[in-house]
Each structure stands twice: as C-alpha cells, then as structure tokens.
C-alpha cells in the first residue's frame, strides 16, 4: 500500500464502523414504509394533475373555446407535480449528503 492509502485506511474503517453502529441504533425501515413513500410521490404528482383537469373542465364549461383547457391544465398540473417531487427528492438527497459529511473525521 502507498503511504497515502495507509493513512486513509483507518479513517475509512472508522467511518464504516460509525455508520454500522448508527444503523443498528436507528429503527428498521419496513417494506410498508417504502410502499408509503411511493404513495407520497404518486399523490404529489396526481393531486396537481387532477386539480388541473378539474379547473380545465370548469373553464371549458364556462367559456367554450377552440382550445382545450382540460388538456393544457392537465399537462401543467403534471409538470407542477413532477417539479414538486424533484424538489422533494433533492431535499432528501442533500439531507443524506449532509449526514454523511458529518460522519467524516477531520483530516489532521
């Protein structure tokens, strides 16, 4: 092993051990939790899409036009839902990265 790798090896072992100990302390994540997470993501997309459809139907019934407000607002609601999920996933990713960085020992 090179001198640099020899210095990093104890830090890597220590980091993995701390992660293992923290995982043992934290409650186990069940399959139901994962399914619930899929549900949250699904509803985060479905609700804005359905609201867009309902608003589009209402506009089309009130003010008929050659353009379909239902279709336009369906696409807009779908896009809004996808952006919502993307932002939520980004927040979760940053939280995980921050937790991992806080586990890393300082280089002396």
PDB file of N, CA and C in Angstrom:
ATOM      1  N   UNK A   1       0.835  -1.182   0.000  1.00  0.00           N
ATOM      2  CA  UNK A   1       0.000   0.000   0.000  1.00  0.00           C
ATOM      3  C   UNK A   1       0.874   1.237   0.000  1.00  0.00           C
ATOM      4  N   UNK A   2       0.370   2.263  -0.626  1.00  0.00           N
ATOM      5  CA  UNK A   2       1.101   3.522  -0.620  1.00  0.00           C
ATOM      6  C   UNK A   2       0.913   4.205   0.718  1.00  0.00           C
ATOM      7  N   UNK A   3       1.768   5.168   0.991  1.00  0.00           N
ATOM      8  CA  UNK A   3       1.715   5.884   2.263  1.00  0.00           C
ATOM      9  C   UNK A   3       0.386   6.626   2.425  1.00  0.00           C
ATOM     10  N   UNK A   4      -0.106   7.209   1.349  1.00  0.00           N
ATOM     11  CA  UNK A   4      -1.367   7.953   1.385  1.00  0.00           C
ATOM     12  C   UNK A   4      -2.543   7.022   1.694  1.00  0.00           C
ATOM     13  N   UNK A   5      -2.533   5.843   1.073  1.00  0.00           N
ATOM     14  CA  UNK A   5      -3.618   4.877   1.308  1.00  0.00           C
ATOM     15  C   UNK A   5      -3.564   4.338   2.724  1.00  0.00           C
ATOM     16  N   UNK A   6      -2.357   4.179   3.256  1.00  0.00           N
ATOM     17  CA  UNK A   6      -2.228   3.677   4.622  1.00  0.00           C
ATOM     18  C   UNK A   6      -2.828   4.671   5.620  1.00  0.00           C
ATOM     19  N   UNK A   7      -2.728   5.967   5.339  1.00  0.00           N
ATOM     20  CA  UNK A   7      -3.295   6.971   6.224  1.00  0.00           C
ATOM     21  C   UNK A   7      -4.820   7.008   6.109  1.00  0.00           C
ATOM     22  N   UNK A   8      -5.348   6.766   4.918  1.00  0.00           N
ATOM     23  CA  UNK A   8      -6.794   6.833   4.710  1.00  0.00           C
ATOM     24  C   UNK A   8      -7.511   5.583   5.217  1.00  0.00           C
ATOM     25  N   UNK A   9      -6.839   4.456   5.230  1.00  0.00           N
ATOM     26  CA  UNK A   9      -7.487   3.196   5.573  1.00  0.00           C
ATOM     27  C   UNK A   9      -8.135   3.214   6.957  1.00  0.00           C
ATOM     28  N   UNK A  10      -7.455   3.660   8.019  1.00  0.00           N
ATOM     29  CA  UNK A  10      -8.107   3.693   9.346  1.00  0.00           C
ATOM     30  C   UNK A  10      -9.333   4.625   9.368  1.00  0.00           C
ATOM     31  N   UNK A  11      -9.259   5.735   8.628  1.00  0.00           N
ATOM     32  CA  UNK A  11     -10.397   6.654   8.576  1.00  0.00           C
ATOM     33  C   UNK A  11     -11.594   5.994   7.902  1.00  0.00           C
ATOM     34  N   UNK A  12     -11.343   5.250   6.837  1.00  0.00           N
ATOM     35  CA  UNK A  12     -12.434   4.565   6.131  1.00  0.00           C
ATOM     36  C   UNK A  12     -13.064   3.500   7.026  1.00  0.00           C
ATOM     37  N   UNK A  13     -12.233   2.741   7.728  1.00  0.00           N
ATOM     38  CA  UNK A  13     -12.746   1.705   8.631  1.00  0.00           C
ATOM     39  C   UNK A  13     -13.563   2.351   9.744  1.00  0.00           C
ATOM     40  N   UNK A  14     -13.070   3.435  10.312  1.00  0.00           N
ATOM     41  CA  UNK A  14     -13.784   4.137  11.375  1.00  0.00           C
ATOM     42  C   UNK A  14     -15.118   4.687  10.900  1.00  0.00           C
ATOM     43  N   UNK A  15     -15.126   5.235   9.704  1.00  0.00           N
ATOM     44  CA  UNK A  15     -16.356   5.781   9.144  1.00  0.00           C
ATOM     45  C   UNK A  15     -17.392   4.685   8.929  1.00  0.00           C
ATOM     46  N   UNK A  16     -16.964   3.558   8.384  1.00  0.00           N
ATOM     47  CA  UNK A  16     -17.886   2.446   8.161  1.00  0.00           C
ATOM     48  C   UNK A  16     -18.413   1.898   9.480  1.00  0.00           C
ATOM     49  N   UNK A  17     -17.559   1.845  10.482  1.00  0.00           N
ATOM     50  CA  UNK A  17     -17.991   1.341  11.791  1.00  0.00           C
ATOM     51  C   UNK A  17     -19.017   2.286  12.419  1.00  0.00           C
ATOM     52  N   UNK A  18     -18.789   3.601  12.327  1.00  0.00           N
ATOM     53  CA  UNK A  18     -19.758   4.562  12.867  1.00  0.00           C
ATOM     54  C   UNK A  18     -21.100   4.442  12.160  1.00  0.00           C
ATOM     55  N   UNK A  19     -21.077   4.261  10.835  1.00  0.00           N
ATOM     56  CA  UNK A  19     -22.323   4.079  10.070  1.00  0.00           C
ATOM     57  C   UNK A  19     -23.048   2.826  10.510  1.00  0.00           C
ATOM     58  N   UNK A  20     -22.295   1.764  10.729  1.00  0.00           N
ATOM     59  CA  UNK A  20     -22.895   0.492  11.150  1.00  0.00           C
ATOM     60  C   UNK A  20     -23.539   0.637  12.520  1.00  0.00           C
ATOM     61  N   UNK A  21     -22.850   1.280  13.449  1.00  0.00           N
ATOM     62  CA  UNK A  21     -23.395   1.467  14.791  1.00  0.00           C
ATOM     63  C   UNK A  21     -24.636   2.355  14.763  1.00  0.00           C
ATOM     64  N   UNK A  22     -24.623   3.405  13.948  1.00  0.00           N
ATOM     65  CA  UNK A  22     -25.797   4.275  13.847  1.00  0.00           C
ATOM     66  C   UNK A  22     -26.972   3.529  13.228  1.00  0.00           C
ATOM     67  N   UNK A  23     -26.711   2.695  12.226  1.00  0.00           N
ATOM     68  CA  UNK A  23     -27.778   1.921  11.595  1.00  0.00           C
ATOM     69  C   UNK A  23     -28.402   0.941  12.577  1.00  0.00           C
ATOM     70  N   UNK A  24     -27.596   0.400  13.486  1.00  0.00           N
ATOM     71  CA  UNK A  24     -28.117  -0.526  14.493  1.00  0.00           C
ATOM     72  C   UNK A  24     -28.996   0.202  15.508  1.00  0.00           C
ATOM     73  N   UNK A  25     -28.680   1.463  15.805  1.00  0.00           N
ATOM     74  CA  UNK A  25     -29.476   2.236  16.764  1.00  0.00           C
ATOM     75  C   UNK A  25     -30.793   2.711  16.165  1.00  0.00           C
ATOM     76  N   UNK A  26     -30.787   3.052  14.885  1.00  0.00           N
ATOM     77  CA  UNK A  26     -31.984   3.589  14.235  1.00  0.00           C
ATOM     78  C   UNK A  26     -32.999   2.479  13.997  1.00  0.00           C
ATOM     79  N   UNK A  27     -34.286   2.839  14.012  1.00  0.00           N
ATOM     80  CA  UNK A  27     -35.312   1.816  13.768  1.00  0.00           C
ATOM     81  C   UNK A  27     -35.211   1.274  12.345  1.00  0.00           C
ATOM     82  N   UNK A  28     -35.587   0.014  12.208  1.00  0.00           N
ATOM     83  CA  UNK A  28     -35.543  -0.629  10.896  1.00  0.00           C
ATOM     84  C   UNK A  28     -36.648  -0.073  10.002  1.00  0.00           C
ATOM     85  N   UNK A  29     -36.347   0.062   8.727  1.00  0.00           N
ATOM     86  CA  UNK A  29     -37.328   0.546   7.753  1.00  0.00           C
ATOM     87  C   UNK A  29     -38.010  -0.662   7.145  1.00  0.00           C
ATOM     88  N   UNK A  30     -39.324  -0.667   7.213  1.00  0.00           N
ATOM     89  CA  UNK A  30     -40.082  -1.817   6.724  1.00  0.00           C
ATOM     90  C   UNK A  30     -40.464  -1.631   5.257  1.00  0.00           C
ATOM     91  N   UNK A  31     -40.968  -2.704   4.679  1.00  0.00           N
ATOM     92  CA  UNK A  31     -41.452  -2.643   3.296  1.00  0.00           C
ATOM     93  C   UNK A  31     -42.645  -1.705   3.202  1.00  0.00           C
ATOM     94  N   UNK A  32     -43.452  -1.651   4.257  1.00  0.00           N
ATOM     95  CA  UNK A  32     -44.597  -0.746   4.276  1.00  0.00           C
ATOM     96  C   UNK A  32     -44.169   0.711   4.169  1.00  0.00           C
ATOM     97  N   UNK A  33     -43.031   1.048   4.789  1.00  0.00           N
ATOM     98  CA  UNK A  33     -42.511   2.408   4.690  1.00  0.00           C
ATOM     99  C   UNK A  33     -42.156   2.736   3.240  1.00  0.00           C
ATOM    100  N   UNK A  34     -41.508   1.787   2.564  1.00  0.00           N
ATOM    101  CA  UNK A  34     -41.152   2.003   1.156  1.00  0.00           C
ATOM    102  C   UNK A  34     -42.375   2.168   0.281  1.00  0.00           C
ATOM    103  N   UNK A  35     -43.395   1.357   0.525  1.00  0.00           N
ATOM    104  CA  UNK A  35     -44.631   1.488  -0.246  1.00  0.00           C
ATOM    105  C   UNK A  35     -45.316   2.817   0.050  1.00  0.00           C
ATOM    106  N   UNK A  36     -45.276   3.231   1.302  1.00  0.00           N
ATOM    107  CA  UNK A  36     -45.854   4.524   1.660  1.00  0.00           C
ATOM    108  C   UNK A  36     -45.130   5.665   0.976  1.00  0.00           C
ATOM    109  N   UNK A  37     -43.818   5.526   0.837  1.00  0.00           N
ATOM    110  CA  UNK A  37     -43.028   6.539   0.154  1.00  0.00           C
ATOM    111  C   UNK A  37     -43.428   6.636  -1.310  1.00  0.00           C
ATOM    112  N   UNK A  38     -43.652   5.481  -1.949  1.00  0.00           N
ATOM    113  CA  UNK A  38     -44.140   5.500  -3.329  1.00  0.00           C
ATOM    114  C   UNK A  38     -45.490   6.195  -3.397  1.00  0.00           C
ATOM    115  N   UNK A  39     -46.337   5.974  -2.401  1.00  0.00           N
ATOM    116  CA  UNK A  39     -47.642   6.614  -2.368  1.00  0.00           C
ATOM    117  C   UNK A  39     -47.535   8.120  -2.264  1.00  0.00           C
ATOM    118  N   UNK A  40     -46.622   8.600  -1.417  1.00  0.00           N
ATOM    119  CA  UNK A  40     -46.422  10.042  -1.270  1.00  0.00           C
ATOM    120  C   UNK A  40     -45.978  10.657  -2.593  1.00  0.00           C
ATOM    121  N   UNK A  41     -45.037  10.004  -3.249  1.00  0.00           N
ATOM    122  CA  UNK A  41     -44.554  10.506  -4.532  1.00  0.00           C
ATOM    123  C   UNK A  41     -45.678  10.488  -5.560  1.00  0.00           C
ATOM    124  N   UNK A  42     -46.453   9.417  -5.592  1.00  0.00           N
ATOM    125  CA  UNK A  42     -47.559   9.317  -6.538  1.00  0.00           C
ATOM    126  C   UNK A  42     -48.610  10.387  -6.324  1.00  0.00           C
ATOM    127  N   UNK A  43     -49.000  10.600  -5.068  1.00  0.00           N
ATOM    128  CA  UNK A  43     -50.003  11.623  -4.780  1.00  0.00           C
ATOM    129  C   UNK A  43     -49.456  13.020  -5.044  1.00  0.00           C
ATOM    130  N   UNK A  44     -48.158  13.214  -4.876  1.00  0.00           N
ATOM    131  CA  UNK A  44     -47.563  14.525  -5.152  1.00  0.00           C
ATOM    132  C   UNK A  44     -47.667  14.887  -6.626  1.00  0.00           C
ATOM    133  N   UNK A  45     -47.764  13.891  -7.474  1.00  0.00           N
ATOM    134  CA  UNK A  45     -47.957  14.133  -8.908  1.00  0.00           C
ATOM    135  C   UNK A  45     -49.449  14.114  -9.249  1.00  0.00           C
ATOM    136  N   UNK A  46     -50.199  13.197  -8.654  1.00  0.00           N
ATOM    137  CA  UNK A  46     -51.608  13.018  -9.018  1.00  0.00           C
ATOM    138  C   UNK A  46     -52.472  14.207  -8.601  1.00  0.00           C
ATOM    139  N   UNK A  47     -52.263  14.762  -7.427  1.00  0.00           N
ATOM    140  CA  UNK A  47     -53.132  15.840  -6.946  1.00  0.00           C
ATOM    141  C   UNK A  47     -53.055  17.085  -7.833  1.00  0.00           C
ATOM    142  N   UNK A  48     -51.867  17.619  -8.150  1.00  0.00           N
ATOM    143  CA  UNK A  48     -51.847  18.783  -9.049  1.00  0.00           C
ATOM    144  C   UNK A  48     -52.417  18.463 -10.440  1.00  0.00           C
ATOM    145  N   UNK A  49     -52.210  17.234 -10.901  1.00  0.00           N
ATOM    146  CA  UNK A  49     -52.746  16.848 -12.214  1.00  0.00           C
ATOM    147  C   UNK A  49     -54.271  16.848 -12.183  1.00  0.00           C
ATOM    148  N   UNK A  50     -54.852  16.247 -11.155  1.00  0.00           N
ATOM    149  CA  UNK A  50     -56.317  16.217 -11.047  1.00  0.00           C
ATOM    150  C   UNK A  50     -56.903  17.607 -10.838  1.00  0.00           C
ATOM    151  N   UNK A  51     -56.237  18.432 -10.054  1.00  0.00           N
ATOM    152  CA  UNK A  51     -56.712  19.809  -9.883  1.00  0.00           C
ATOM    153  C   UNK A  51     -56.677  20.569 -11.202  1.00  0.00           C
ATOM    154  N   UNK A  52     -55.630  20.341 -11.991  1.00  0.00           N
ATOM    155  CA  UNK A  52     -55.550  20.967 -13.311  1.00  0.00           C
ATOM    156  C   UNK A  52     -56.685  20.514 -14.217  1.00  0.00           C
ATOM    157  N   UNK A  53     -57.010  19.229 -14.195  1.00  0.00           N
ATOM    158  CA  UNK A  53     -58.119  18.702 -15.006  1.00  0.00           C
ATOM    159  C   UNK A  53     -59.441  19.311 -14.556  1.00  0.00           C
ATOM    160  N   UNK A  54     -59.657  19.358 -13.254  1.00  0.00           N
ATOM    161  CA  UNK A  54     -60.920  19.912 -12.747  1.00  0.00           C
ATOM    162  C   UNK A  54     -61.059  21.386 -13.106  1.00  0.00           C
ATOM    163  N   UNK A  55     -59.998  22.148 -12.965  1.00  0.00           N
ATOM    164  CA  UNK A  55     -60.036  23.560 -13.344  1.00  0.00           C
ATOM    165  C   UNK A  55     -60.256  23.700 -14.849  1.00  0.00           C
ATOM    166  N   UNK A  56     -59.617  22.854 -15.634  1.00  0.00           N
ATOM    167  CA  UNK A  56     -59.796  22.892 -17.084  1.00  0.00           C
ATOM    168  C   UNK A  56     -61.222  22.586 -17.502  1.00  0.00           C
ATOM    169  N   UNK A  57     -61.848  21.603 -16.860  1.00  0.00           N
ATOM    170  CA  UNK A  57     -63.248  21.278 -17.162  1.00  0.00           C
ATOM    171  C   UNK A  57     -64.135  22.471 -16.817  1.00  0.00           C
ATOM    172  N   UNK A  58     -63.891  23.063 -15.666  1.00  0.00           N
ATOM    173  CA  UNK A  58     -64.695  24.210 -15.251  1.00  0.00           C
ATOM    174  C   UNK A  58     -64.557  25.369 -16.239  1.00  0.00           C
ATOM    175  N   UNK A  59     -63.326  25.668 -16.663  1.00  0.00           N
ATOM    176  CA  UNK A  59     -63.109  26.756 -17.630  1.00  0.00           C
ATOM    177  C   UNK A  59     -63.772  26.416 -18.955  1.00  0.00           C
ATOM    178  N   UNK A  60     -63.622  25.174 -19.444  1.00  0.00           N
ATOM    179  CA  UNK A  60     -64.226  24.777 -20.721  1.00  0.00           C
ATOM    180  C   UNK A  60     -65.747  24.866 -20.684  1.00  0.00           C
ATOM    181  N   UNK A  61     -66.361  24.538 -19.544  1.00  0.00           N
ATOM    182  CA  UNK A  61     -67.816  24.635 -19.443  1.00  0.00           C
ATOM    183  C   UNK A  61     -68.291  26.080 -19.350  1.00  0.00           C
ATOM    184  N   UNK A  62     -67.541  26.935 -18.687  1.00  0.00           N
ATOM    185  CA  UNK A  62     -67.914  28.347 -18.521  1.00  0.00           C
ATOM    186  C   UNK A  62     -67.682  29.156 -19.799  1.00  0.00           C
ATOM    187  N   UNK A  63     -66.510  28.991 -20.381  1.00  0.00           N
ATOM    188  CA  UNK A  63     -66.125  29.780 -21.541  1.00  0.00           C
ATOM    189  C   UNK A  63     -65.622  28.856 -22.649  1.00  0.00           C
ATOM    190  N   UNK A  64     -66.530  28.308 -23.440  1.00  0.00           N
ATOM    191  CA  UNK A  64     -66.113  27.396 -24.525  1.00  0.00           C
ATOM    192  C   UNK A  64     -65.172  28.107 -25.510  1.00  0.00           C
ATOM    193  N   UNK A  65     -64.164  27.395 -25.941  1.00  0.00           N
ATOM    194  CA  UNK A  65     -63.210  27.933 -26.917  1.00  0.00           C
ATOM    195  C   UNK A  65     -62.691  26.779 -27.767  1.00  0.00           C
ATOM    196  N   UNK A  66     -62.031  27.099 -28.884  1.00  0.00           N
ATOM    197  CA  UNK A  66     -61.490  26.019 -29.713  1.00  0.00           C
ATOM    198  C   UNK A  66     -60.315  25.292 -29.053  1.00  0.00           C
ATOM    199  N   UNK A  67     -59.733  25.894 -28.035  1.00  0.00           N
ATOM    200  CA  UNK A  67     -58.613  25.255 -27.333  1.00  0.00           C
ATOM    201  C   UNK A  67     -59.126  24.513 -26.108  1.00  0.00           C
ATOM    202  N   UNK A  68     -58.490  23.403 -25.800  1.00  0.00           N
ATOM    203  CA  UNK A  68     -58.904  22.581 -24.656  1.00  0.00           C
ATOM    204  C   UNK A  68     -58.120  22.970 -23.413  1.00  0.00           C
ATOM    205  N   UNK A  69     -58.813  23.630 -22.498  1.00  0.00           N
ATOM    206  CA  UNK A  69     -58.183  23.987 -21.246  1.00  0.00           C
ATOM    207  C   UNK A  69     -57.906  22.751 -20.402  1.00  0.00           C
ATOM    208  N   UNK A  70     -58.732  21.726 -20.571  1.00  0.00           N
ATOM    209  CA  UNK A  70     -58.513  20.485 -19.825  1.00  0.00           C
ATOM    210  C   UNK A  70     -57.135  19.921 -20.147  1.00  0.00           C
ATOM    211  N   UNK A  71     -56.839  19.834 -21.429  1.00  0.00           N
ATOM    212  CA  UNK A  71     -55.560  19.263 -21.848  1.00  0.00           C
ATOM    213  C   UNK A  71     -54.390  20.136 -21.405  1.00  0.00           C
ATOM    214  N   UNK A  72     -54.538  21.448 -21.583  1.00  0.00           N
ATOM    215  CA  UNK A  72     -53.433  22.336 -21.204  1.00  0.00           C
ATOM    216  C   UNK A  72     -53.167  22.291 -19.703  1.00  0.00           C
ATOM    217  N   UNK A  73     -54.226  22.315 -18.898  1.00  0.00           N
ATOM    218  CA  UNK A  73     -54.027  22.305 -17.452  1.00  0.00           C
ATOM    219  C   UNK A  73     -53.665  20.928 -16.925  1.00  0.00           C
ATOM    220  N   UNK A  74     -54.048  19.883 -17.642  1.00  0.00           N
ATOM    221  CA  UNK A  74     -53.587  18.532 -17.278  1.00  0.00           C
ATOM    222  C   UNK A  74     -52.070  18.466 -17.407  1.00  0.00           C
ATOM    223  N   UNK A  75     -51.558  18.953 -18.513  1.00  0.00           N
ATOM    224  CA  UNK A  75     -50.103  18.946 -18.739  1.00  0.00           C
ATOM    225  C   UNK A  75     -49.409  19.860 -17.728  1.00  0.00           C
ATOM    226  N   UNK A  76     -50.005  21.033 -17.460  1.00  0.00           N
ATOM    227  CA  UNK A  76     -49.428  21.944 -16.475  1.00  0.00           C
ATOM    228  C   UNK A  76     -49.406  21.337 -15.078  1.00  0.00           C
ATOM    229  N   UNK A  77     -50.495  20.685 -14.686  1.00  0.00           N
ATOM    230  CA  UNK A  77     -50.553  20.040 -13.370  1.00  0.00           C
ATOM    231  C   UNK A  77     -49.556  18.896 -13.256  1.00  0.00           C
ATOM    232  N   UNK A  78     -49.425  18.132 -14.335  1.00  0.00           N
ATOM    233  CA  UNK A  78     -48.452  17.044 -14.353  1.00  0.00           C
ATOM    234  C   UNK A  78     -47.036  17.593 -14.207  1.00  0.00           C
ATOM    235  N   UNK A  79     -46.738  18.660 -14.931  1.00  0.00           N
ATOM    236  CA  UNK A  79     -45.418  19.286 -14.826  1.00  0.00           C
ATOM    237  C   UNK A  79     -45.154  19.828 -13.434  1.00  0.00           C
ATOM    238  N   UNK A  80     -46.163  20.476 -12.850  1.00  0.00           N
ATOM    239  CA  UNK A  80     -46.032  21.004 -11.494  1.00  0.00           C
ATOM    240  C   UNK A  80     -45.804  19.884 -10.490  1.00  0.00           C
ATOM    241  N   UNK A  81     -46.523  18.782 -10.637  1.00  0.00           N
ATOM    242  CA  UNK A  81     -46.337  17.631  -9.752  1.00  0.00           C
ATOM    243  C   UNK A  81     -44.944  17.038  -9.866  1.00  0.00           C
ATOM    244  N   UNK A  82     -44.445  16.935 -11.089  1.00  0.00           N
ATOM    245  CA  UNK A  82     -43.098  16.383 -11.290  1.00  0.00           C
ATOM    246  C   UNK A  82     -42.031  17.291 -10.685  1.00  0.00           C
ATOM    247  N   UNK A  83     -42.201  18.602 -10.836  1.00  0.00           N
ATOM    248  CA  UNK A  83     -41.257  19.540 -10.226  1.00  0.00           C
ATOM    249  C   UNK A  83     -41.308  19.417  -8.702  1.00  0.00           C
ATOM    250  N   UNK A  84     -42.505  19.276  -8.167  1.00  0.00           N
ATOM    251  CA  UNK A  84     -42.684  19.112  -6.725  1.00  0.00           C
ATOM    252  C   UNK A  84     -41.925  17.882  -6.215  1.00  0.00           C
ATOM    253  N   UNK A  85     -42.068  16.764  -6.897  1.00  0.00           N
ATOM    254  CA  UNK A  85     -41.372  15.533  -6.498  1.00  0.00           C
ATOM    255  C   UNK A  85     -39.864  15.706  -6.642  1.00  0.00           C
ATOM    256  N   UNK A  86     -39.435  16.330  -7.717  1.00  0.00           N
ATOM    257  CA  UNK A  86     -37.999  16.541  -7.942  1.00  0.00           C
ATOM    258  C   UNK A  86     -37.396  17.372  -6.810  1.00  0.00           C
ATOM    259  N   UNK A  87     -38.089  18.443  -6.400  1.00  0.00           N
ATOM    260  CA  UNK A  87     -37.580  19.276  -5.306  1.00  0.00           C
ATOM    261  C   UNK A  87     -37.537  18.501  -3.997  1.00  0.00           C
ATOM    262  N   UNK A  88     -38.543  17.660  -3.754  1.00  0.00           N
ATOM    263  CA  UNK A  88     -38.570  16.855  -2.534  1.00  0.00           C
ATOM    264  C   UNK A  88     -37.396  15.865  -2.510  1.00  0.00           C
ATOM    265  N   UNK A  89     -37.155  15.224  -3.653  1.00  0.00           N
ATOM    266  CA  UNK A  89     -36.042  14.268  -3.743  1.00  0.00           C
ATOM    267  C   UNK A  89     -34.708  14.987  -3.553  1.00  0.00           C
ATOM    268  N   UNK A  90     -34.562  16.175  -4.103  1.00  0.00           N
ATOM    269  CA  UNK A  90     -33.328  16.949  -3.927  1.00  0.00           C
ATOM    270  C   UNK A  90     -33.098  17.286  -2.456  1.00  0.00           C
ATOM    271  N   UNK A  91     -34.160  17.677  -1.734  1.00  0.00           N
ATOM    272  CA  UNK A  91     -34.014  17.962  -0.303  1.00  0.00           C
ATOM    273  C   UNK A  91     -33.566  16.717   0.450  1.00  0.00           C
ATOM    274  N   UNK A  92     -34.143  15.569   0.115  1.00  0.00           N
ATOM    275  CA  UNK A  92     -33.755  14.325   0.782  1.00  0.00           C
ATOM    276  C   UNK A  92     -32.302  13.968   0.471  1.00  0.00           C
ATOM    277  N   UNK A  93     -31.896  14.169  -0.783  1.00  0.00           N
ATOM    278  CA  UNK A  93     -30.519  13.860  -1.190  1.00  0.00           C
ATOM    279  C   UNK A  93     -29.529  14.740  -0.430  1.00  0.00           C
ATOM    280  N   UNK A  94     -29.841  16.043  -0.332  1.00  0.00           N
ATOM    281  CA  UNK A  94     -28.950  16.956   0.393  1.00  0.00           C
ATOM    282  C   UNK A  94     -28.868  16.593   1.872  1.00  0.00           C
ATOM    283  N   UNK A  95     -29.993  16.161   2.439  1.00  0.00           N
ATOM    284  CA  UNK A  95     -30.009  15.746   3.841  1.00  0.00           C
ATOM    285  C   UNK A  95     -29.100  14.537   4.048  1.00  0.00           C
ATOM    286  N   UNK A  96     -29.151  13.569   3.149  1.00  0.00           N
ATOM    287  CA  UNK A  96     -28.313  12.373   3.246  1.00  0.00           C
ATOM    288  C   UNK A  96     -26.841  12.745   3.105  1.00  0.00           C
ATOM    289  N   UNK A  97     -26.526  13.617   2.162  1.00  0.00           N
ATOM    290  CA  UNK A  97     -25.135  14.042   1.962  1.00  0.00           C
ATOM    291  C   UNK A  97     -24.625  14.755   3.202  1.00  0.00           C
ATOM    292  N   UNK A  98     -25.458  15.612   3.789  1.00  0.00           N
ATOM    293  CA  UNK A  98     -25.054  16.340   4.990  1.00  0.00           C
ATOM    294  C   UNK A  98     -24.786  15.379   6.144  1.00  0.00           C
ATOM    295  N   UNK A  99     -25.626  14.358   6.291  1.00  0.00           N
ATOM    296  CA  UNK A  99     -25.410  13.364   7.344  1.00  0.00           C
ATOM    297  C   UNK A  99     -24.110  12.601   7.125  1.00  0.00           C
ATOM    298  N   UNK A 100     -23.832  12.249   5.890  1.00  0.00           N
ATOM    299  CA  UNK A 100     -22.591  11.514   5.601  1.00  0.00           C
ATOM    300  C   UNK A 100     -21.367  12.375   5.855  1.00  0.00           C
ATOM    301  N   UNK A 101     -21.455  13.662   5.492  1.00  0.00           N
ATOM    302  CA  UNK A 101     -20.322  14.558   5.709  1.00  0.00           C
ATOM    303  C   UNK A 101     -20.070  14.777   7.193  1.00  0.00           C
ATOM    304  N   UNK A 102     -21.124  14.782   7.979  1.00  0.00           N
ATOM    305  CA  UNK A 102     -20.940  14.988   9.421  1.00  0.00           C
ATOM    306  C   UNK A 102     -20.298  13.760  10.078  1.00  0.00           C
ATOM    307  N   UNK A 103     -20.367  12.614   9.417  1.00  0.00           N
ATOM    308  CA  UNK A 103     -19.719  11.399   9.938  1.00  0.00           C
ATOM    309  C   UNK A 103     -18.236  11.378   9.650  1.00  0.00           C
ATOM    310  N   UNK A 104     -17.804  12.070   8.602  1.00  0.00           N
ATOM    311  CA  UNK A 104     -16.412  12.019   8.177  1.00  0.00           C
ATOM    312  C   UNK A 104     -15.511  12.678   9.210  1.00  0.00           C
ATOM    313  N   UNK A 105     -14.414  12.024   9.567  1.00  0.00           N
ATOM    314  CA  UNK A 105     -13.469  12.645  10.509  1.00  0.00           C
ATOM    315  C   UNK A 105     -12.713  13.758   9.816  1.00  0.00           C
ATOM    316  N   UNK A 106     -12.286  14.740  10.591  1.00  0.00           N
ATOM    317  CA  UNK A 106     -11.491  15.830  10.034  1.00  0.00           C
ATOM    318  C   UNK A 106     -10.087  15.328   9.738  1.00  0.00           C
ATOM    319  N   UNK A 107      -9.533  15.794   8.609  1.00  0.00           N
ATOM    320  CA  UNK A 107      -8.161  15.439   8.271  1.00  0.00           C
ATOM    321  C   UNK A 107      -7.212  16.327   9.063  1.00  0.00           C
ATOM    322  N   UNK A 108      -6.293  15.714   9.762  1.00  0.00           N
ATOM    323  CA  UNK A 108      -5.329  16.483  10.573  1.00  0.00           C
ATOM    324  C   UNK A 108      -3.995  16.459   9.915  1.00  0.00           C
TER     325      UNK A 108
END
